[in-house]
């Protein structure tokens, strides 16, 4: 993701990889109107309790998350907000 601070692009990559591994589907990456990176994954089956808890743990690594329905399917999403690097860090 060009223009993102290194730590944000690493968070996006780590969350994306984990969601892909847990759901079997690669997340769709988009930008929100506020400039955050949003990862969305289609929900195609009812996960078991273990998978649900693992997905929730990964979603919690983002800054905001939720679920939505569009005309064709439900999906979960997580947003990673761009933050400037801290001075000295």
Protein backbone atom coordinates (compact mmCIF):
# COMPACT_ATOMS: atom_id res chain seq x y z
CA UNK A 1 0.00 0.00 0.00
CA UNK A 2 1.90 3.00 -1.25
CA UNK A 3 1.87 6.06 0.97
CA UNK A 4 0.99 4.20 4.17
CA UNK A 5 3.32 4.22 7.12
CA UNK A 6 5.24 0.94 7.35
CA UNK A 7 3.52 -0.20 10.55
CA UNK A 8 0.05 0.25 9.01
CA UNK A 9 0.90 -1.71 5.88
CA UNK A 10 2.28 -4.48 8.11
CA UNK A 11 -0.96 -4.54 10.14
CA UNK A 12 -2.99 -4.69 6.92
CA UNK A 13 -0.85 -7.55 5.62
CA UNK A 14 -0.98 -9.49 8.91
CA UNK A 15 -4.76 -9.13 9.28
CA UNK A 16 -5.35 -9.91 5.59
CA UNK A 17 -3.20 -13.05 5.71
CA UNK A 18 -4.92 -14.29 8.87
CA UNK A 19 -8.43 -13.70 7.49
CA UNK A 20 -7.50 -15.48 4.27
CA UNK A 21 -6.15 -18.45 6.21
CA UNK A 22 -9.20 -18.64 8.51
CA UNK A 23 -11.91 -18.13 5.88
CA UNK A 24 -10.29 -19.58 2.78
CA UNK A 25 -11.08 -16.39 0.87
CA UNK A 26 -8.74 -13.49 0.13
CA UNK A 27 -10.07 -10.24 1.58
CA UNK A 28 -11.06 -7.43 -0.75
CA UNK A 29 -8.95 -4.35 0.02
CA UNK A 30 -10.44 -0.89 -0.37
CA UNK A 31 -10.05 2.62 1.01
CA UNK A 32 -12.78 4.38 2.96
CA UNK A 33 -13.77 8.01 2.51
CA UNK A 34 -11.81 8.80 5.66
CA UNK A 35 -8.64 7.21 4.27
CA UNK A 36 -8.66 4.00 6.30
CA UNK A 37 -7.85 0.65 4.69
CA UNK A 38 -10.84 -1.72 4.74
CA UNK A 39 -10.56 -5.49 4.37
CA UNK A 40 -13.83 -7.30 3.55
CA UNK A 41 -14.44 -11.05 3.40
CA UNK A 42 -17.58 -12.73 2.13
CA UNK A 43 -19.31 -15.05 4.61
CA UNK A 44 -20.12 -18.26 2.76
CA UNK A 45 -20.79 -20.68 5.60
CA UNK A 46 -21.72 -20.71 9.26
CA UNK A 47 -18.40 -21.01 11.13
CA UNK A 48 -18.03 -23.17 14.20
CA UNK A 49 -17.32 -21.63 17.60
CA UNK A 50 -13.54 -22.05 17.36
CA UNK A 51 -13.35 -20.38 13.95
CA UNK A 52 -15.68 -17.59 15.08
CA UNK A 53 -13.48 -16.81 18.09
CA UNK A 54 -10.34 -16.87 15.93
CA UNK A 55 -11.89 -14.49 13.38
CA UNK A 56 -13.05 -12.13 16.14
CA UNK A 57 -9.54 -12.11 17.60
CA UNK A 58 -8.12 -11.13 14.20
CA UNK A 59 -10.79 -8.48 13.63
CA UNK A 60 -9.84 -7.03 17.02
CA UNK A 61 -6.36 -6.26 15.66
CA UNK A 62 -7.96 -3.56 13.50
CA UNK A 63 -9.32 -0.22 14.60
CA UNK A 64 -12.98 -0.87 13.68
CA UNK A 65 -14.82 -3.95 12.50
CA UNK A 66 -18.29 -5.17 11.78
CA UNK A 67 -20.52 -7.05 9.37
CA UNK A 68 -22.79 -6.00 6.54
CA UNK A 69 -25.11 -7.44 3.91
CA UNK A 70 -25.15 -6.32 0.32
CA UNK A 71 -27.65 -7.48 -2.29
CA UNK A 72 -25.86 -10.81 -2.78
CA UNK A 73 -24.16 -11.92 0.46
CA UNK A 74 -23.13 -11.04 4.00
CA UNK A 75 -19.55 -10.06 4.72
CA UNK A 76 -17.32 -9.09 7.62
CA UNK A 77 -14.99 -6.13 7.48
CA UNK A 78 -12.16 -4.59 9.43
CA UNK A 79 -10.64 -1.12 9.05
CA UNK A 80 -7.07 -0.09 9.77
CA UNK A 81 -6.76 3.66 10.29
CA UNK A 82 -3.72 5.45 8.91
CA UNK A 83 -1.72 6.96 11.72
CA UNK A 84 1.39 9.06 11.39
CA UNK A 85 4.54 7.58 12.82
CA UNK A 86 5.22 8.66 16.38
CA UNK A 87 8.14 11.01 16.85
CA UNK A 88 11.21 9.00 17.76
CA UNK A 89 9.50 5.70 16.96
